PDB file of N, CA and C in Angstrom:
ATOM      1  N   MET A   1     186.496 151.082  87.913  1.00  0.00           N
ATOM      2  CA  MET A   1     185.503 151.851  87.057  1.00  0.00           C
ATOM      3  C   MET A   1     184.452 150.308  86.688  1.00  0.00           C
ATOM      4  N   GLU A   2     183.490 150.288  86.772  1.00  0.00           N
ATOM      5  CA  GLU A   2     182.688 148.654  86.567  1.00  0.00           C
ATOM      6  C   GLU A   2     182.528 148.927  84.741  1.00  0.00           C
ATOM      7  N   ASP A   3     182.600 148.204  84.407  1.00  0.00           N
ATOM      8  CA  ASP A   3     182.510 147.729  82.829  1.00  0.00           C
ATOM      9  C   ASP A   3     181.006 147.854  82.673  1.00  0.00           C
ATOM     10  N   ALA A   4     179.954 148.599  81.496  1.00  0.00           N
ATOM     11  CA  ALA A   4     178.543 148.668  81.478  1.00  0.00           C
ATOM     12  C   ALA A   4     178.301 147.338  81.497  1.00  0.00           C
ATOM     13  N   ARG A   5     178.975 146.365  80.951  1.00  0.00           N
ATOM     14  CA  ARG A   5     178.283 145.037  80.528  1.00  0.00           C
ATOM     15  C   ARG A   5     177.672 144.668  82.309  1.00  0.00           C
ATOM     16  N   GLU A   6     178.699 144.806  83.144  1.00  0.00           N
ATOM     17  CA  GLU A   6     178.753 144.179  84.586  1.00  0.00           C
ATOM     18  C   GLU A   6     177.767 145.083  85.276  1.00  0.00           C
ATOM     19  N   VAL A   7     177.274 146.351  84.926  1.00  0.00           N
ATOM     20  CA  VAL A   7     176.534 146.951  85.827  1.00  0.00           C
ATOM     21  C   VAL A   7     174.822 146.788  84.852  1.00  0.00           C
ATOM     22  N   LEU A   8     174.797 146.698  83.827  1.00  0.00           N
ATOM     23  CA  LEU A   8     173.687 146.129  83.101  1.00  0.00           C
ATOM     24  C   LEU A   8     173.413 144.243  83.865  1.00  0.00           C
ATOM     25  N   SER A   9     174.273 143.720  83.458  1.00  0.00           N
ATOM     26  CA  SER A   9     174.072 142.416  84.003  1.00  0.00           C
ATOM     27  C   SER A   9     173.339 142.400  85.473  1.00  0.00           C
ATOM     28  N   ARG A  10     173.580 143.394  86.353  1.00  0.00           N
ATOM     29  CA  ARG A  10     173.265 143.640  87.996  1.00  0.00           C
ATOM     30  C   ARG A  10     171.932 143.998  87.837  1.00  0.00           C
ATOM     31  N   LEU A  11     171.891 144.623  87.308  1.00  0.00           N
ATOM     32  CA  LEU A  11     170.211 145.318  86.813  1.00  0.00           C
ATOM     33  C   LEU A  11     169.266 144.703  86.414  1.00  0.00           C
ATOM     34  N   VAL A  12     169.541 143.372  85.373  1.00  0.00           N
ATOM     35  CA  VAL A  12     169.156 142.388  85.262  1.00  0.00           C
ATOM     36  C   VAL A  12     168.890 141.109  86.256  1.00  0.00           C
ATOM     37  N   THR A  13     169.920 140.222  86.898  1.00  0.00           N
ATOM     38  CA  THR A  13     169.661 139.905  87.621  1.00  0.00           C
ATOM     39  C   THR A  13     169.116 139.985  89.201  1.00  0.00           C
ATOM     40  N   GLN A  14     170.405 141.087  89.575  1.00  0.00           N
ATOM     41  CA  GLN A  14     169.952 140.975  90.877  1.00  0.00           C
ATOM     42  C   GLN A  14     168.714 142.859  91.424  1.00  0.00           C
ATOM     43  N   ARG A  15     168.772 143.229  90.803  1.00  0.00           N
ATOM     44  CA  ARG A  15     167.869 144.590  90.861  1.00  0.00           C
ATOM     45  C   ARG A  15     166.057 143.871  89.833  1.00  0.00           C
ATOM     46  N   ASN A  16     166.259 143.547  89.091  1.00  0.00           N
ATOM     47  CA  ASN A  16     165.090 143.140  88.360  1.00  0.00           C
ATOM     48  C   ASN A  16     164.129 144.300  87.696  1.00  0.00           C
ATOM     49  N   ILE A  17     165.465 145.295  87.404  1.00  0.00           N
ATOM     50  CA  ILE A  17     165.229 146.862  87.061  1.00  0.00           C
ATOM     51  C   ILE A  17     164.893 146.273  85.125  1.00  0.00           C
ATOM     52  N   LEU A  18     165.729 145.933  84.675  1.00  0.00           N
ATOM     53  CA  LEU A  18     165.934 145.238  83.295  1.00  0.00           C
ATOM     54  C   LEU A  18     165.886 143.968  82.923  1.00  0.00           C
ATOM     55  N   GLU A  19     165.035 143.743  81.874  1.00  0.00           N
ATOM     56  CA  GLU A  19     165.385 142.481  81.074  1.00  0.00           C
ATOM     57  C   GLU A  19     166.352 142.465  79.956  1.00  0.00           C
ATOM     58  N   THR A  20     166.576 141.143  79.217  1.00  0.00           N
ATOM     59  CA  THR A  20     167.683 141.384  78.223  1.00  0.00           C
ATOM     60  C   THR A  20     166.388 140.970  76.878  1.00  0.00           C
ATOM     61  N   GLY A  21     166.878 141.105  75.301  1.00  0.00           N
ATOM     62  CA  GLY A  21     166.083 140.868  74.461  1.00  0.00           C
ATOM     63  C   GLY A  21     167.056 140.821  73.227  1.00  0.00           C
ATOM     64  N   GLY A  22     166.706 140.106  72.535  1.00  0.00           N
ATOM     65  CA  GLY A  22     167.588 139.936  71.501  1.00  0.00           C
ATOM     66  C   GLY A  22     168.655 138.870  71.212  1.00  0.00           C
ATOM     67  N   GLY A  23     169.760 138.583  70.305  1.00  0.00           N
ATOM     68  CA  GLY A  23     170.447 137.782  70.447  1.00  0.00           C
ATOM     69  C   GLY A  23     171.717 137.943  71.613  1.00  0.00           C
ATOM     70  N   VAL A  24     172.797 137.359  71.266  1.00  0.00           N
ATOM     71  CA  VAL A  24     173.938 138.084  72.002  1.00  0.00           C
ATOM     72  C   VAL A  24     174.938 138.559  71.284  1.00  0.00           C
ATOM     73  N   GLY A  25     175.789 139.377  71.885  1.00  0.00           N
ATOM     74  CA  GLY A  25     176.581 140.482  71.085  1.00  0.00           C
ATOM     75  C   GLY A  25     176.004 141.558  70.695  1.00  0.00           C
ATOM     76  N   ARG A  26     176.101 141.818  69.482  1.00  0.00           N
ATOM     77  CA  ARG A  26     175.449 143.118  68.999  1.00  0.00           C
ATOM     78  C   ARG A  26     174.081 143.724  69.145  1.00  0.00           C
ATOM     79  N   GLY A  27     173.270 142.116  68.720  1.00  0.00           N
ATOM     80  CA  GLY A  27     172.157 142.121  68.575  1.00  0.00           C
ATOM     81  C   GLY A  27     171.116 142.277  70.052  1.00  0.00           C
ATOM     82  N   ARG A  28     171.955 142.103  71.000  1.00  0.00           N
ATOM     83  CA  ARG A  28     171.460 142.296  72.311  1.00  0.00           C
ATOM     84  C   ARG A  28     171.247 143.640  72.949  1.00  0.00           C
ATOM     85  N   TYR A  29     169.555 144.062  73.505  1.00  0.00           N
ATOM     86  CA  TYR A  29     169.229 145.120  74.341  1.00  0.00           C
ATOM     87  C   TYR A  29     168.729 145.240  75.383  1.00  0.00           C
ATOM     88  N   TYR A  30     168.442 145.973  75.760  1.00  0.00           N
ATOM     89  CA  TYR A  30     168.064 145.722  77.197  1.00  0.00           C
ATOM     90  C   TYR A  30     166.711 146.697  77.261  1.00  0.00           C
ATOM     91  N   ARG A  31     165.704 146.030  77.924  1.00  0.00           N
ATOM     92  CA  ARG A  31     164.464 147.200  77.923  1.00  0.00           C
ATOM     93  C   ARG A  31     164.010 147.255  79.765  1.00  0.00           C
ATOM     94  N   LEU A  32     163.278 147.990  79.788  1.00  0.00           N
ATOM     95  CA  LEU A  32     162.750 147.898  81.300  1.00  0.00           C
ATOM     96  C   LEU A  32     161.617 146.885  81.869  1.00  0.00           C
ATOM     97  N   SER A  33     161.857 146.189  82.690  1.00  0.00           N
ATOM     98  CA  SER A  33     161.415 144.892  83.524  1.00  0.00           C
ATOM     99  C   SER A  33     160.104 145.031  83.304  1.00  0.00           C
ATOM    100  N   ARG A  34     159.107 144.526  83.511  1.00  0.00           N
ATOM    101  CA  ARG A  34     157.346 144.963  83.528  1.00  0.00           C
ATOM    102  C   ARG A  34     157.780 144.814  85.248  1.00  0.00           C
ATOM    103  N   PRO A  35     157.922 144.236  86.318  1.00  0.00           N
ATOM    104  CA  PRO A  35     157.844 144.601  87.713  1.00  0.00           C
ATOM    105  C   PRO A  35     158.252 146.520  87.639  1.00  0.00           C
ATOM    106  N   ALA A  36     159.769 147.048  87.383  1.00  0.00           N
ATOM    107  CA  ALA A  36     160.431 148.262  87.278  1.00  0.00           C
ATOM    108  C   ALA A  36     159.172 148.704  86.357  1.00  0.00           C
ATOM    109  N   TYR A  37     158.397 148.757  85.366  1.00  0.00           N
ATOM    110  CA  TYR A  37     157.663 149.250  84.854  1.00  0.00           C
ATOM    111  C   TYR A  37     156.147 149.765  85.455  1.00  0.00           C
ATOM    112  N   GLN A  38     155.529 148.714  86.397  1.00  0.00           N
ATOM    113  CA  GLN A  38     154.716 148.592  86.819  1.00  0.00           C
ATOM    114  C   GLN A  38     154.797 149.739  88.530  1.00  0.00           C
ATOM    115  N   MET A  39     155.610 149.563  88.619  1.00  0.00           N
ATOM    116  CA  MET A  39     155.932 150.054  89.988  1.00  0.00           C
ATOM    117  C   MET A  39     155.938 152.353  89.312  1.00  0.00           C
ATOM    118  N   LEU A  40     156.483 152.110  88.271  1.00  0.00           N
ATOM    119  CA  LEU A  40     156.702 153.596  87.563  1.00  0.00           C
ATOM    120  C   LEU A  40     155.251 154.112  87.258  1.00  0.00           C
ATOM    121  N   VAL A  41     154.059 153.409  86.691  1.00  0.00           N
ATOM    122  CA  VAL A  41     153.025 153.641  86.148  1.00  0.00           C
ATOM    123  C   VAL A  41     152.198 154.940  86.846  1.00  0.00           C
ATOM    124  N   GLY A  42     151.967 155.860  86.343  1.00  0.00           N
ATOM    125  CA  GLY A  42     151.279 156.982  86.985  1.00  0.00           C
ATOM    126  C   GLY A  42     152.345 158.083  87.108  1.00  0.00           C
ATOM    127  N   SER A  43     153.963 157.888  87.466  1.00  0.00           N
ATOM    128  CA  SER A  43     154.411 158.619  87.403  1.00  0.00           C
ATOM    129  C   SER A  43     155.469 159.237  86.491  1.00  0.00           C
ATOM    130  N   LEU A  44     155.207 158.353  85.666  1.00  0.00           N
ATOM    131  CA  LEU A  44     155.956 158.913  83.819  1.00  0.00           C
ATOM    132  C   LEU A  44     154.957 159.083  82.721  1.00  0.00           C
ATOM    133  N   ARG A  45     155.261 159.898  82.109  1.00  0.00           N
ATOM    134  CA  ARG A  45     155.040 159.758  80.801  1.00  0.00           C
ATOM    135  C   ARG A  45     155.276 159.393  79.744  1.00  0.00           C
ATOM    136  N   TYR A  46     155.270 158.736  79.181  1.00  0.00           N
ATOM    137  CA  TYR A  46     156.047 157.809  78.336  1.00  0.00           C
ATOM    138  C   TYR A  46     155.874 158.383  76.563  1.00  0.00           C
ATOM    139  N   HIS A  47     156.407 158.510  76.127  1.00  0.00           N
ATOM    140  CA  HIS A  47     156.395 159.524  74.233  1.00  0.00           C
ATOM    141  C   HIS A  47     157.619 158.373  74.022  1.00  0.00           C
ATOM    142  N   VAL A  48     157.170 157.986  72.822  1.00  0.00           N
ATOM    143  CA  VAL A  48     157.802 157.287  71.565  1.00  0.00           C
ATOM    144  C   VAL A  48     157.958 158.252  70.633  1.00  0.00           C
ATOM    145  N   ASP A  49     158.686 159.075  69.688  1.00  0.00           N
ATOM    146  CA  ASP A  49     158.752 160.041  68.255  1.00  0.00           C
ATOM    147  C   ASP A  49     158.612 158.382  67.358  1.00  0.00           C
ATOM    148  N   SER A  50     157.760 158.237  66.810  1.00  0.00           N
ATOM    149  CA  SER A  50     157.450 156.753  65.980  1.00  0.00           C
ATOM    150  C   SER A  50     158.887 156.966  64.935  1.00  0.00           C
ATOM    151  N   ARG A  51     159.034 158.080  64.254  1.00  0.00           N
ATOM    152  CA  ARG A  51     160.290 158.018  63.779  1.00  0.00           C
ATOM    153  C   ARG A  51     161.627 157.307  64.149  1.00  0.00           C
ATOM    154  N   LEU A  52     161.844 158.292  65.417  1.00  0.00           N
ATOM    155  CA  LEU A  52     162.965 157.398  66.133  1.00  0.00           C
ATOM    156  C   LEU A  52     162.896 155.937  66.357  1.00  0.00           C
ATOM    157  N   ALA A  53     161.342 156.014  66.983  1.00  0.00           N
ATOM    158  CA  ALA A  53     161.374 153.943  67.022  1.00  0.00           C
ATOM    159  C   ALA A  53     161.199 153.407  65.660  1.00  0.00           C
ATOM    160  N   ASP A  54     161.503 153.983  65.009  1.00  0.00           N
ATOM    161  CA  ASP A  54     161.531 153.472  63.567  1.00  0.00           C
ATOM    162  C   ASP A  54     162.878 153.165  62.827  1.00  0.00           C
ATOM    163  N   GLN A  55     163.712 154.072  63.178  1.00  0.00           N
ATOM    164  CA  GLN A  55     165.294 154.020  62.752  1.00  0.00           C
ATOM    165  C   GLN A  55     165.582 153.037  63.905  1.00  0.00           C
ATOM    166  N   ASN A  56     165.252 153.338  65.089  1.00  0.00           N
ATOM    167  CA  ASN A  56     166.420 152.240  65.995  1.00  0.00           C
ATOM    168  C   ASN A  56     166.138 150.992  65.565  1.00  0.00           C
ATOM    169  N   ALA A  57     164.663 150.974  65.329  1.00  0.00           N
ATOM    170  CA  ALA A  57     164.534 149.651  64.860  1.00  0.00           C
ATOM    171  C   ALA A  57     165.182 148.722  63.564  1.00  0.00           C
ATOM    172  N   LYS A  58     165.193 149.773  62.797  1.00  0.00           N
ATOM    173  CA  LYS A  58     165.841 149.434  61.580  1.00  0.00           C
ATOM    174  C   LYS A  58     167.475 149.064  61.977  1.00  0.00           C
ATOM    175  N   ALA A  59     167.973 150.390  62.725  1.00  0.00           N
ATOM    176  CA  ALA A  59     169.200 149.905  63.150  1.00  0.00           C
ATOM    177  C   ALA A  59     169.646 148.472  63.948  1.00  0.00           C
ATOM    178  N   ARG A  60     169.032 148.450  65.091  1.00  0.00           N
ATOM    179  CA  ARG A  60     168.942 146.600  65.511  1.00  0.00           C
ATOM    180  C   ARG A  60     168.608 145.691  64.589  1.00  0.00           C
ATOM    181  N   ILE A  61     168.327 145.884  63.403  1.00  0.00           N
ATOM    182  CA  ILE A  61     167.875 145.020  62.386  1.00  0.00           C
ATOM    183  C   ILE A  61     168.996 144.717  61.327  1.00  0.00           C
ATOM    184  N   LEU A  62     170.129 145.532  61.277  1.00  0.00           N
ATOM    185  CA  LEU A  62     171.131 145.734  60.034  1.00  0.00           C
ATOM    186  C   LEU A  62     172.416 145.432  61.281  1.00  0.00           C
ATOM    187  N   ALA A  63     172.313 145.447  62.427  1.00  0.00           N
ATOM    188  CA  ALA A  63     173.350 144.939  63.367  1.00  0.00           C
ATOM    189  C   ALA A  63     173.185 143.694  63.237  1.00  0.00           C
ATOM    190  N   ALA A  64     172.367 143.185  63.315  1.00  0.00           N
ATOM    191  CA  ALA A  64     171.559 141.592  63.910  1.00  0.00           C
ATOM    192  C   ALA A  64     172.055 140.793  62.170  1.00  0.00           C
ATOM    193  N   LEU A  65     171.543 141.441  61.422  1.00  0.00           N
ATOM    194  CA  LEU A  65     171.868 140.662  59.976  1.00  0.00           C
ATOM    195  C   LEU A  65     173.242 140.691  60.032  1.00  0.00           C
ATOM    196  N   ALA A  66     173.800 141.763  60.148  1.00  0.00           N
ATOM    197  CA  ALA A  66     175.543 141.698  59.860  1.00  0.00           C
ATOM    198  C   ALA A  66     176.235 140.457  60.642  1.00  0.00           C
ATOM    199  N   GLU A  67     175.101 139.331  61.921  1.00  0.00           N
ATOM    200  CA  GLU A  67     176.144 138.930  62.121  1.00  0.00           C
ATOM    201  C   GLU A  67     175.443 137.357  61.933  1.00  0.00           C
ATOM    202  N   GLY A  68     174.468 137.552  60.620  1.00  0.00           N
ATOM    203  CA  GLY A  68     174.128 136.514  60.002  1.00  0.00           C
ATOM    204  C   GLY A  68     172.570 136.393  59.861  1.00  0.00           C
ATOM    205  N   PRO A  69     172.036 135.780  58.464  1.00  0.00           N
ATOM    206  CA  PRO A  69     170.605 135.600  58.426  1.00  0.00           C
ATOM    207  C   PRO A  69     169.447 135.185  59.308  1.00  0.00           C
ATOM    208  N   LEU A  70     168.350 136.145  59.523  1.00  0.00           N
ATOM    209  CA  LEU A  70     167.655 135.602  60.171  1.00  0.00           C
ATOM    210  C   LEU A  70     166.115 135.662  59.298  1.00  0.00           C
ATOM    211  N   ALA A  71     165.202 135.196  60.168  1.00  0.00           N
ATOM    212  CA  ALA A  71     163.732 134.573  60.258  1.00  0.00           C
ATOM    213  C   ALA A  71     163.206 135.803  60.804  1.00  0.00           C
ATOM    214  N   ASN A  72     161.903 135.713  60.097  1.00  0.00           N
ATOM    215  CA  ASN A  72     160.988 136.533  60.663  1.00  0.00           C
ATOM    216  C   ASN A  72     160.769 136.804  62.035  1.00  0.00           C
ATOM    217  N   ALA A  73     160.704 135.679  62.463  1.00  0.00           N
ATOM    218  CA  ALA A  73     160.455 135.743  64.007  1.00  0.00           C
ATOM    219  C   ALA A  73     161.683 136.286  64.759  1.00  0.00           C
ATOM    220  N   GLU A  74     162.530 135.964  64.468  1.00  0.00           N
ATOM    221  CA  GLU A  74     163.860 136.170  65.287  1.00  0.00           C
ATOM    222  C   GLU A  74     163.830 137.899  64.954  1.00  0.00           C
ATOM    223  N   LEU A  75     163.680 138.343  63.678  1.00  0.00           N
ATOM    224  CA  LEU A  75     163.012 139.686  63.632  1.00  0.00           C
ATOM    225  C   LEU A  75     162.384 140.946  65.041  1.00  0.00           C
ATOM    226  N   ARG A  76     161.534 139.680  64.892  1.00  0.00           N
ATOM    227  CA  ARG A  76     160.167 140.421  65.683  1.00  0.00           C
ATOM    228  C   ARG A  76     160.542 140.421  67.177  1.00  0.00           C
ATOM    229  N   GLU A  77     161.005 139.443  67.461  1.00  0.00           N
ATOM    230  CA  GLU A  77     161.771 139.230  69.156  1.00  0.00           C
ATOM    231  C   GLU A  77     162.829 140.386  69.558  1.00  0.00           C
ATOM    232  N   ILE A  78     163.575 140.659  68.013  1.00  0.00           N
ATOM    233  CA  ILE A  78     165.082 142.173  68.391  1.00  0.00           C
ATOM    234  C   ILE A  78     164.265 143.115  68.403  1.00  0.00           C
ATOM    235  N   THR A  79     162.873 143.283  67.490  1.00  0.00           N
ATOM    236  CA  THR A  79     162.202 144.478  67.664  1.00  0.00           C
ATOM    237  C   THR A  79     161.403 144.769  68.584  1.00  0.00           C
ATOM    238  N   GLN A  80     160.768 143.795  68.827  1.00  0.00           N
ATOM    239  CA  GLN A  80     159.245 144.100  70.085  1.00  0.00           C
ATOM    240  C   GLN A  80     158.681 144.483  68.851  1.00  0.00           C
ATOM    241  N   LEU A  81     158.525 144.728  67.684  1.00  0.00           N
ATOM    242  CA  LEU A  81     157.116 144.982  66.617  1.00  0.00           C
ATOM    243  C   LEU A  81     155.836 143.730  66.651  1.00  0.00           C
ATOM    244  N   SER A  82     154.688 144.077  65.943  1.00  0.00           N
ATOM    245  CA  SER A  82     154.354 143.163  65.739  1.00  0.00           C
ATOM    246  C   SER A  82     154.371 142.717  64.666  1.00  0.00           C
ATOM    247  N   ARG A  83     154.065 142.074  63.943  1.00  0.00           N
ATOM    248  CA  ARG A  83     153.603 141.033  62.824  1.00  0.00           C
ATOM    249  C   ARG A  83     153.686 142.608  61.394  1.00  0.00           C
ATOM    250  N   ASN A  84     152.775 143.038  61.414  1.00  0.00           N
ATOM    251  CA  ASN A  84     152.528 143.963  60.491  1.00  0.00           C
ATOM    252  C   ASN A  84     153.293 145.034  60.491  1.00  0.00           C
ATOM    253  N   GLN A  85     153.980 145.288  62.046  1.00  0.00           N
ATOM    254  CA  GLN A  85     154.913 146.687  62.064  1.00  0.00           C
ATOM    255  C   GLN A  85     156.355 146.451  61.343  1.00  0.00           C
ATOM    256  N   CYS A  86     156.598 144.624  61.120  1.00  0.00           N
ATOM    257  CA  CYS A  86     157.891 144.254  60.986  1.00  0.00           C
ATOM    258  C   CYS A  86     157.778 144.005  59.531  1.00  0.00           C
ATOM    259  N   PHE A  87     156.848 143.575  58.617  1.00  0.00           N
ATOM    260  CA  PHE A  87     156.732 143.888  57.765  1.00  0.00           C
ATOM    261  C   PHE A  87     156.582 145.277  56.776  1.00  0.00           C
ATOM    262  N   LYS A  88     155.983 146.194  57.505  1.00  0.00           N
ATOM    263  CA  LYS A  88     156.207 147.137  56.784  1.00  0.00           C
ATOM    264  C   LYS A  88     157.681 147.807  57.043  1.00  0.00           C
ATOM    265  N   LEU A  89     158.293 147.770  58.059  1.00  0.00           N
ATOM    266  CA  LEU A  89     159.623 147.752  58.479  1.00  0.00           C
ATOM    267  C   LEU A  89     160.693 147.504  57.675  1.00  0.00           C
ATOM    268  N   MET A  90     160.464 145.706  57.027  1.00  0.00           N
ATOM    269  CA  MET A  90     161.189 144.749  56.027  1.00  0.00           C
ATOM    270  C   MET A  90     161.084 145.335  54.822  1.00  0.00           C
ATOM    271  N   ALA A  91     159.533 145.963  54.560  1.00  0.00           N
ATOM    272  CA  ALA A  91     159.651 146.188  52.998  1.00  0.00           C
ATOM    273  C   ALA A  91     160.280 147.360  53.241  1.00  0.00           C
ATOM    274  N   GLU A  92     160.488 148.427  53.739  1.00  0.00           N
ATOM    275  CA  GLU A  92     161.045 150.009  53.432  1.00  0.00           C
ATOM    276  C   GLU A  92     162.659 149.451  53.113  1.00  0.00           C
ATOM    277  N   LEU A  93     162.806 148.359  53.969  1.00  0.00           N
ATOM    278  CA  LEU A  93     164.395 147.997  53.739  1.00  0.00           C
ATOM    279  C   LEU A  93     165.083 147.304  52.797  1.00  0.00           C
ATOM    280  N   ARG A  94     163.870 146.303  52.075  1.00  0.00           N
ATOM    281  CA  ARG A  94     164.376 145.649  51.199  1.00  0.00           C
ATOM    282  C   ARG A  94     164.012 146.870  49.915  1.00  0.00           C
ATOM    283  N   THR A  95     163.212 147.616  49.921  1.00  0.00           N
ATOM    284  CA  THR A  95     163.143 148.762  48.522  1.00  0.00           C
ATOM    285  C   THR A  95     164.237 149.523  48.544  1.00  0.00           C
ATOM    286  N   SER A  96     164.887 149.976  50.003  1.00  0.00           N
ATOM    287  CA  SER A  96     165.960 150.362  49.681  1.00  0.00           C
ATOM    288  C   SER A  96     167.169 149.744  49.303  1.00  0.00           C
ATOM    289  N   GLY A  97     166.929 148.583  49.247  1.00  0.00           N
ATOM    290  CA  GLY A  97     168.221 147.638  48.695  1.00  0.00           C
ATOM    291  C   GLY A  97     169.049 147.329  49.942  1.00  0.00           C
ATOM    292  N   GLU A  98     168.764 147.455  51.043  1.00  0.00           N
ATOM    293  CA  GLU A  98     169.805 147.081  52.490  1.00  0.00           C
ATOM    294  C   GLU A  98     169.796 145.965  52.545  1.00  0.00           C
ATOM    295  N   ILE A  99     168.359 144.894  52.172  1.00  0.00           N
ATOM    296  CA  ILE A  99     168.298 143.869  52.860  1.00  0.00           C
ATOM    297  C   ILE A  99     167.746 143.002  51.362  1.00  0.00           C
ATOM    298  N   GLU A 100     167.395 141.515  51.744  1.00  0.00           N
ATOM    299  CA  GLU A 100     166.942 140.603  50.601  1.00  0.00           C
ATOM    300  C   GLU A 100     166.191 139.765  51.490  1.00  0.00           C
ATOM    301  N   MET A 101     165.452 138.785  51.149  1.00  0.00           N
ATOM    302  CA  MET A 101     164.724 137.476  51.441  1.00  0.00           C
ATOM    303  C   MET A 101     165.460 137.131  50.289  1.00  0.00           C
ATOM    304  N   ARG A 102     166.031 135.344  51.110  1.00  0.00           N
ATOM    305  CA  ARG A 102     166.461 134.167  50.166  1.00  0.00           C
ATOM    306  C   ARG A 102     165.816 133.191  50.991  1.00  0.00           C
ATOM    307  N   GLY A 103     165.460 132.255  49.846  1.00  0.00           N
ATOM    308  CA  GLY A 103     164.323 131.259  50.646  1.00  0.00           C
ATOM    309  C   GLY A 103     162.769 131.307  50.669  1.00  0.00           C
ATOM    310  N   SER A 104     161.925 130.507  51.007  1.00  0.00           N
ATOM    311  CA  SER A 104     160.633 130.486  50.652  1.00  0.00           C
ATOM    312  C   SER A 104     159.734 130.111  51.906  1.00  0.00           C
ATOM    313  N   LYS A 105     158.885 130.183  52.205  1.00  0.00           N
ATOM    314  CA  LYS A 105     158.166 129.615  53.581  1.00  0.00           C
ATOM    315  C   LYS A 105     159.024 129.443  54.541  1.00  0.00           C
ATOM    316  N   ARG A 106     159.137 128.122  55.312  1.00  0.00           N
ATOM    317  CA  ARG A 106     159.771 128.416  56.919  1.00  0.00           C
ATOM    318  C   ARG A 106     161.248 128.502  56.360  1.00  0.00           C
ATOM    319  N   TRP A 107     161.753 128.180  55.159  1.00  0.00           N
ATOM    320  CA  TRP A 107     163.292 128.053  55.349  1.00  0.00           C
ATOM    321  C   TRP A 107     163.508 130.257  54.885  1.00  0.00           C
ATOM    322  N   ALA A 108     162.678 130.719  54.682  1.00  0.00           N
ATOM    323  CA  ALA A 108     162.957 132.140  54.549  1.00  0.00           C
ATOM    324  C   ALA A 108     163.637 132.599  55.436  1.00  0.00           C
ATOM    325  N   ARG A 109     164.881 133.681  55.103  1.00  0.00           N
ATOM    326  CA  ARG A 109     165.850 134.390  56.015  1.00  0.00           C
ATOM    327  C   ARG A 109     165.929 135.661  55.560  1.00  0.00           C
ATOM    328  N   TRP A 110     165.880 136.242  55.988  1.00  0.00           N
ATOM    329  CA  TRP A 110     166.416 138.120  55.429  1.00  0.00           C
ATOM    330  C   TRP A 110     168.052 138.015  55.101  1.00  0.00           C
ATOM    331  N   HIS A 111     168.779 138.563  54.605  1.00  0.00           N
ATOM    332  CA  HIS A 111     169.679 138.869  54.709  1.00  0.00           C
ATOM    333  C   HIS A 111     170.223 140.208  53.900  1.00  0.00           C
ATOM    334  N   LEU A 112     171.586 140.578  54.638  1.00  0.00           N
ATOM    335  CA  LEU A 112     172.031 141.667  54.526  1.00  0.00           C
ATOM    336  C   LEU A 112     172.607 142.012  52.633  1.00  0.00           C
ATOM    337  N   CYS A 113     172.121 142.875  51.985  1.00  0.00           N
ATOM    338  CA  CYS A 113     172.637 142.788  50.532  1.00  0.00           C
ATOM    339  C   CYS A 113     173.903 143.665  50.082  1.00  0.00           C
ATOM    340  N   ALA A 114     175.014 142.632  49.601  1.00  0.00           N
ATOM    341  CA  ALA A 114     176.033 142.892  49.457  1.00  0.00           C
ATOM    342  C   ALA A 114     176.427 144.363  48.601  1.00  0.00           C
ATOM    343  N   ARG A 115     177.208 144.832  49.754  1.00  0.00           N
ATOM    344  CA  ARG A 115     177.473 146.002  48.763  1.00  0.00           C
ATOM    345  C   ARG A 115     179.095 146.180  47.680  1.00  0.00           C
ATOM    346  N   ALA A 116     178.586 146.801  46.558  1.00  0.00           N
ATOM    347  CA  ALA A 116     179.258 146.840  45.284  1.00  0.00           C
ATOM    348  C   ALA A 116     180.344 147.615  45.459  1.00  0.00           C
TER     349      ALA A 116
END
């Protein structure tokens, strides 16, 4: 039986159906490539439950931050959210005490909060 990573890799490189995003390891994710999406336009009805999408983005952020601190631009790349959407999500995670900002301006990085 083929390993899932091999199948995903083949869908990226040989078939051009998927493209990768995020970092490496647990921060990596896959999404439908633009050519594959364009072939399916009209034959699919796409619906995203915004609550599930937010929970998914939060889970990706927390998993990526477990690997180390990240800048805002890196988080937007991982989540594929706009600047304002990412800001709102990070504010929610900060308010819940899960993450914190250290540094300022171009050196600002998000970190997981230490668990007591």
